[in-house]
Amino acid sequence: MEQASSRRRNSKITIIINSLQNFHNSNSKYLLALHSCSESFGIAVKDIENPEKIIKSEIFNTGRSLSNKLFSCIETILPRKLWKKIIRISVAKGPGSYTSTRLTLSLARTISQQIDCSLDSISSFHLMASRLYKDLYKNQILNPFWITDVLPRRGIVAGKYQLVKIHQESDFHEFNEIISPQLISNEKLIKPRIQASNNIEKDIISLINFSQYCHNSKVQSNWEKTLPIYPTSPVENHK
């Protein structure tokens, strides 16, 4: 039995290796997802022409050095010579690290402009919604709820969401972002609410699935309209 089990494991490993070796081919058309709203940088790539429907993803703990590693991180899973085959980019636009979000959005906008592909953007809270809504009581799941985060010395940032539909064909949880993440002055109004939590490993997969959903729905997204979310100004105005 041990030998049979070992053969099955080796067979699965062989299938995975062969699939990854065949990830890049002459007919490849890529979806690229970028998420840098925390101190980790998440990247996911999917070849929509690959029948295996493989998603390649990787998380880089870049900290404050993203500016020096941005290109090399992406090239780790998608060499630059293949960027011309990207047909759609999706990016998390914040809230999060001001510098990292700005850098990633600037790169995504530049690539989108240069190769003339769609650029989709979604807030990091919006991506969290598909994970966090499961923490609600059953009688609250279909109702609007808030995702909140506390900014030291600034206040509470909150966004309001409601589940619309789960798209099985693209494995995407569609939520309506009723209110995009912003500073909230009256805490009493934000109920029910869930504390924001970063899980870049899962959220980058949600982001590439969002890109697949947009592709399937033939959504047209222009890079010029993609801007970061800054709940607070990076420049303090003192009078």
Protein backbone atom coordinates (compact mmCIF):
# COMPACT_ATOMS: atom_id res chain seq x y z
CA MET A 1 0.00 0.00 0.00
CA GLU A 2 2.87 2.34 0.77
CA GLN A 3 4.31 1.75 -2.70
CA ALA A 4 0.92 2.42 -4.31
CA SER A 5 0.54 5.60 -2.28
CA SER A 6 4.05 6.69 -3.26
CA ARG A 7 3.28 6.07 -6.95
CA ARG A 8 0.13 8.20 -6.71
CA ARG A 9 2.07 11.05 -5.06
CA ASN A 10 4.80 10.86 -7.69
CA SER A 11 2.15 10.83 -10.41
CA LYS A 12 0.56 13.99 -9.00
CA ILE A 13 3.96 15.68 -8.76
CA THR A 14 4.73 14.76 -12.38
CA ILE A 15 1.40 16.20 -13.53
CA ILE A 16 2.04 19.47 -11.66
CA ILE A 17 5.61 19.77 -13.02
CA ASN A 18 4.45 19.09 -16.58
CA SER A 19 1.66 21.64 -16.20
CA LEU A 20 4.05 24.33 -14.97
CA GLN A 21 6.54 23.52 -17.75
CA ASN A 22 3.73 24.04 -20.25
CA PHE A 23 2.53 27.24 -18.59
CA HIS A 24 4.21 29.41 -21.21
CA ASN A 25 3.48 28.62 -24.86
CA SER A 26 3.10 30.45 -28.15
CA ASN A 27 -0.66 30.89 -27.66
CA SER A 28 -0.46 32.22 -24.10
CA LYS A 29 -2.60 35.18 -23.05
CA TYR A 30 -1.97 36.35 -19.53
CA LEU A 31 -3.90 37.94 -16.72
CA LEU A 32 -1.61 39.71 -14.25
CA ALA A 33 -2.61 40.69 -10.70
CA LEU A 34 -0.59 42.95 -8.38
CA HIS A 35 -1.23 43.62 -4.68
CA SER A 36 1.10 45.79 -2.58
CA CYS A 37 -1.22 47.36 0.01
CA SER A 38 0.74 45.81 2.89
CA GLU A 39 4.44 45.20 3.50
CA SER A 40 4.19 42.09 1.32
CA PHE A 41 3.97 42.21 -2.47
CA GLY A 42 1.63 39.67 -4.05
CA ILE A 43 1.71 38.68 -7.71
CA ALA A 44 -0.50 36.24 -9.60
CA VAL A 45 -0.49 35.20 -13.24
CA LYS A 46 -2.99 33.12 -15.16
CA ASP A 47 -2.81 31.98 -18.77
CA ILE A 48 -6.40 31.94 -20.00
CA GLU A 49 -5.39 29.75 -22.96
CA ASN A 50 -3.98 27.05 -20.68
CA PRO A 51 -6.56 24.24 -20.29
CA GLU A 52 -5.10 23.38 -16.85
CA LYS A 53 -6.35 26.77 -15.57
CA ILE A 54 -3.23 27.12 -13.43
CA ILE A 55 -2.73 30.23 -11.32
CA LYS A 56 0.90 31.02 -10.55
CA SER A 57 1.27 33.22 -7.50
CA GLU A 58 4.00 34.31 -5.17
CA ILE A 59 4.31 36.58 -2.14
CA PHE A 60 7.45 38.67 -1.62
CA ASN A 61 8.28 40.15 1.78
CA THR A 62 9.76 43.32 0.32
CA GLY A 63 9.03 45.61 3.27
CA ARG A 64 10.15 49.14 2.37
CA SER A 65 12.40 48.03 -0.49
CA LEU A 66 9.69 47.44 -3.10
CA SER A 67 10.97 50.26 -5.31
CA ASN A 68 14.21 48.34 -5.85
CA LYS A 69 12.58 44.94 -6.36
CA LEU A 70 9.34 45.68 -8.22
CA PHE A 71 10.49 44.58 -11.70
CA SER A 72 12.53 41.61 -10.52
CA CYS A 73 9.64 40.27 -8.43
CA ILE A 74 7.28 40.28 -11.40
CA GLU A 75 9.90 38.73 -13.66
CA THR A 76 10.24 35.87 -11.20
CA ILE A 77 6.91 34.44 -12.37
CA LEU A 78 6.45 36.27 -15.71
CA PRO A 79 9.62 37.16 -17.66
CA ARG A 80 9.58 40.64 -19.18
CA LYS A 81 9.81 39.25 -22.73
CA LEU A 82 6.28 37.84 -22.18
CA TRP A 83 4.69 41.05 -20.91
CA LYS A 84 3.45 41.88 -24.41
CA LYS A 85 1.15 38.85 -24.06
CA ILE A 86 -0.61 40.33 -21.04
CA ILE A 87 -4.22 41.08 -22.03
CA ARG A 88 -5.46 42.34 -18.67
CA ILE A 89 -3.97 43.67 -15.44
CA SER A 90 -5.73 43.95 -12.10
CA VAL A 91 -4.35 45.89 -9.15
CA ALA A 92 -5.31 46.54 -5.52
CA LYS A 93 -5.58 50.32 -5.20
CA GLY A 94 -5.59 50.71 -1.39
CA PRO A 95 -6.03 51.63 1.32
CA GLY A 96 -2.59 50.54 2.40
CA SER A 97 1.01 51.61 2.24
CA TYR A 98 1.11 54.97 0.47
CA THR A 99 4.47 54.40 -1.24
CA SER A 100 3.96 50.74 -2.21
CA THR A 101 0.46 51.33 -3.56
CA ARG A 102 1.62 54.32 -5.61
CA LEU A 103 4.59 52.42 -7.06
CA THR A 104 2.55 49.39 -8.10
CA LEU A 105 -0.26 51.47 -9.58
CA SER A 106 2.24 53.57 -11.54
CA LEU A 107 3.83 50.45 -12.99
CA ALA A 108 0.46 48.88 -13.80
CA ARG A 109 -0.70 52.09 -15.53
CA THR A 110 2.52 52.27 -17.54
CA ILE A 111 2.37 48.66 -18.73
CA SER A 112 -1.33 49.00 -19.56
CA GLN A 113 -0.68 52.14 -21.60
CA GLN A 114 2.32 50.70 -23.43
CA ILE A 115 0.73 47.39 -24.46
CA ASP A 116 -2.83 48.76 -24.69
CA CYS A 117 -4.53 46.34 -22.31
CA SER A 118 -7.33 46.80 -19.79
CA LEU A 119 -6.43 47.77 -16.23
CA ASP A 120 -8.90 46.82 -13.51
CA SER A 121 -8.62 48.13 -9.96
CA ILE A 122 -10.33 47.21 -6.72
CA SER A 123 -9.84 48.26 -3.11
CA SER A 124 -7.99 46.00 -0.70
CA PHE A 125 -11.07 46.05 1.58
CA HIS A 126 -13.22 44.94 -1.35
CA LEU A 127 -10.92 41.94 -1.84
CA MET A 128 -11.10 41.09 1.86
CA ALA A 129 -14.88 41.02 1.74
CA SER A 130 -14.99 37.53 0.19
CA ARG A 131 -13.04 36.20 3.20
CA LEU A 132 -14.46 38.27 6.01
CA TYR A 133 -18.19 38.10 5.28
CA LYS A 134 -18.13 34.49 6.49
CA ASP A 135 -17.54 35.83 10.03
CA LEU A 136 -21.00 37.42 10.05
CA TYR A 137 -24.00 35.75 11.61
CA LYS A 138 -26.04 33.76 9.09
CA ASN A 139 -28.90 36.25 9.20
CA GLN A 140 -26.46 39.06 8.32
CA ILE A 141 -24.64 37.51 5.35
CA LEU A 142 -26.91 38.97 2.66
CA ASN A 143 -27.09 42.40 4.31
CA PRO A 144 -24.62 45.30 4.03
CA PHE A 145 -21.69 45.26 6.44
CA TRP A 146 -18.59 47.34 7.17
CA ILE A 147 -14.89 46.53 7.07
CA THR A 148 -12.85 48.79 9.33
CA ASP A 149 -9.27 49.51 10.21
CA VAL A 150 -7.72 51.88 12.75
CA LEU A 151 -5.06 54.34 11.63
CA PRO A 152 -2.92 55.50 14.56
CA ARG A 153 -3.55 59.18 15.32
CA ARG A 154 -5.83 59.45 12.27
CA GLY A 155 -9.06 57.61 13.04
CA ILE A 156 -11.08 54.75 11.59
CA VAL A 157 -11.08 53.86 7.90
CA ALA A 158 -14.20 51.99 6.82
CA GLY A 159 -15.80 50.64 3.66
CA LYS A 160 -19.31 49.25 3.24
CA TYR A 161 -20.05 46.04 1.29
CA GLN A 162 -22.83 43.67 0.31
CA LEU A 163 -22.66 40.23 -1.29
CA VAL A 164 -24.22 40.23 -4.76
CA LYS A 165 -23.39 36.86 -6.31
CA ILE A 166 -20.85 34.05 -6.32
CA HIS A 167 -19.66 33.40 -9.89
CA GLN A 168 -18.72 29.72 -10.01
CA GLU A 169 -17.21 29.88 -13.51
CA SER A 170 -14.53 32.36 -12.42
CA ASP A 171 -14.50 31.50 -8.70
CA PHE A 172 -15.24 35.15 -7.92
CA HIS A 173 -17.35 36.51 -5.06
CA GLU A 174 -19.06 39.64 -6.39
CA PHE A 175 -19.65 42.34 -3.78
CA ASN A 176 -21.13 45.78 -4.17
CA GLU A 177 -18.82 48.41 -2.67
CA ILE A 178 -21.53 50.70 -1.32
CA ILE A 179 -19.03 53.07 0.30
CA SER A 180 -15.35 52.93 -0.65
CA PRO A 181 -12.80 52.98 2.20
CA GLN A 182 -12.64 56.40 3.84
CA LEU A 183 -12.24 58.07 7.21
CA ILE A 184 -15.40 57.72 9.30
CA SER A 185 -16.21 60.33 11.94
CA ASN A 186 -19.16 58.60 13.62
CA GLU A 187 -18.35 55.06 14.78
CA LYS A 188 -21.93 54.44 15.91
CA LEU A 189 -23.10 54.30 12.30
CA ILE A 190 -20.82 51.46 11.19
CA LYS A 191 -22.63 48.28 12.22
CA PRO A 192 -22.23 45.39 11.74
CA ARG A 193 -18.53 45.69 11.18
CA ILE A 194 -15.52 43.38 10.78
CA GLN A 195 -11.92 44.25 11.46
CA ALA A 196 -9.76 44.36 8.33
CA SER A 197 -7.05 41.70 8.14
CA ASN A 198 -4.37 41.14 5.54
CA ASN A 199 -4.01 37.74 3.90
CA ILE A 200 -2.14 38.48 0.70
CA GLU A 201 -1.88 34.77 -0.20
CA LYS A 202 -5.66 34.52 -0.47
CA ASP A 203 -6.39 38.06 -1.63
CA ILE A 204 -4.04 37.86 -4.62
CA ILE A 205 -6.01 34.82 -5.80
CA SER A 206 -9.25 36.77 -5.34
CA LEU A 207 -7.67 39.57 -7.38
CA ILE A 208 -6.77 37.32 -10.32
CA ASN A 209 -10.28 35.80 -10.17
CA PHE A 210 -11.66 39.35 -10.30
CA SER A 211 -9.58 39.87 -13.43
CA GLN A 212 -10.99 36.66 -14.93
CA TYR A 213 -14.52 37.83 -14.11
CA CYS A 214 -13.88 41.18 -15.83
CA HIS A 215 -12.45 39.39 -18.86
CA ASN A 216 -15.42 37.01 -19.10
CA SER A 217 -17.80 39.96 -18.74
CA LYS A 218 -15.89 41.95 -21.41
CA VAL A 219 -15.45 44.88 -19.03
CA GLN A 220 -13.53 47.76 -20.59
CA SER A 221 -11.20 49.42 -18.08
CA ASN A 222 -8.95 52.35 -18.98
CA TRP A 223 -5.63 52.91 -17.22
CA GLU A 224 -6.31 56.67 -17.04
CA LYS A 225 -9.18 56.11 -14.60
CA THR A 226 -7.15 53.93 -12.23
CA LEU A 227 -6.14 55.95 -9.18
CA PRO A 228 -5.07 54.96 -5.64
CA ILE A 229 -7.28 55.26 -2.58
CA TYR A 230 -5.78 57.54 0.08
CA PRO A 231 -8.16 57.85 3.06
CA THR A 232 -5.82 60.48 4.48
CA SER A 233 -3.64 62.95 2.67
CA PRO A 234 0.06 62.03 2.45
CA VAL A 235 0.75 65.74 3.02
CA GLU A 236 -0.45 67.36 6.22
CA ASN A 237 -1.98 70.80 5.81
CA HIS A 238 -1.10 72.92 8.81
CA LYS A 239 -2.54 76.40 9.04
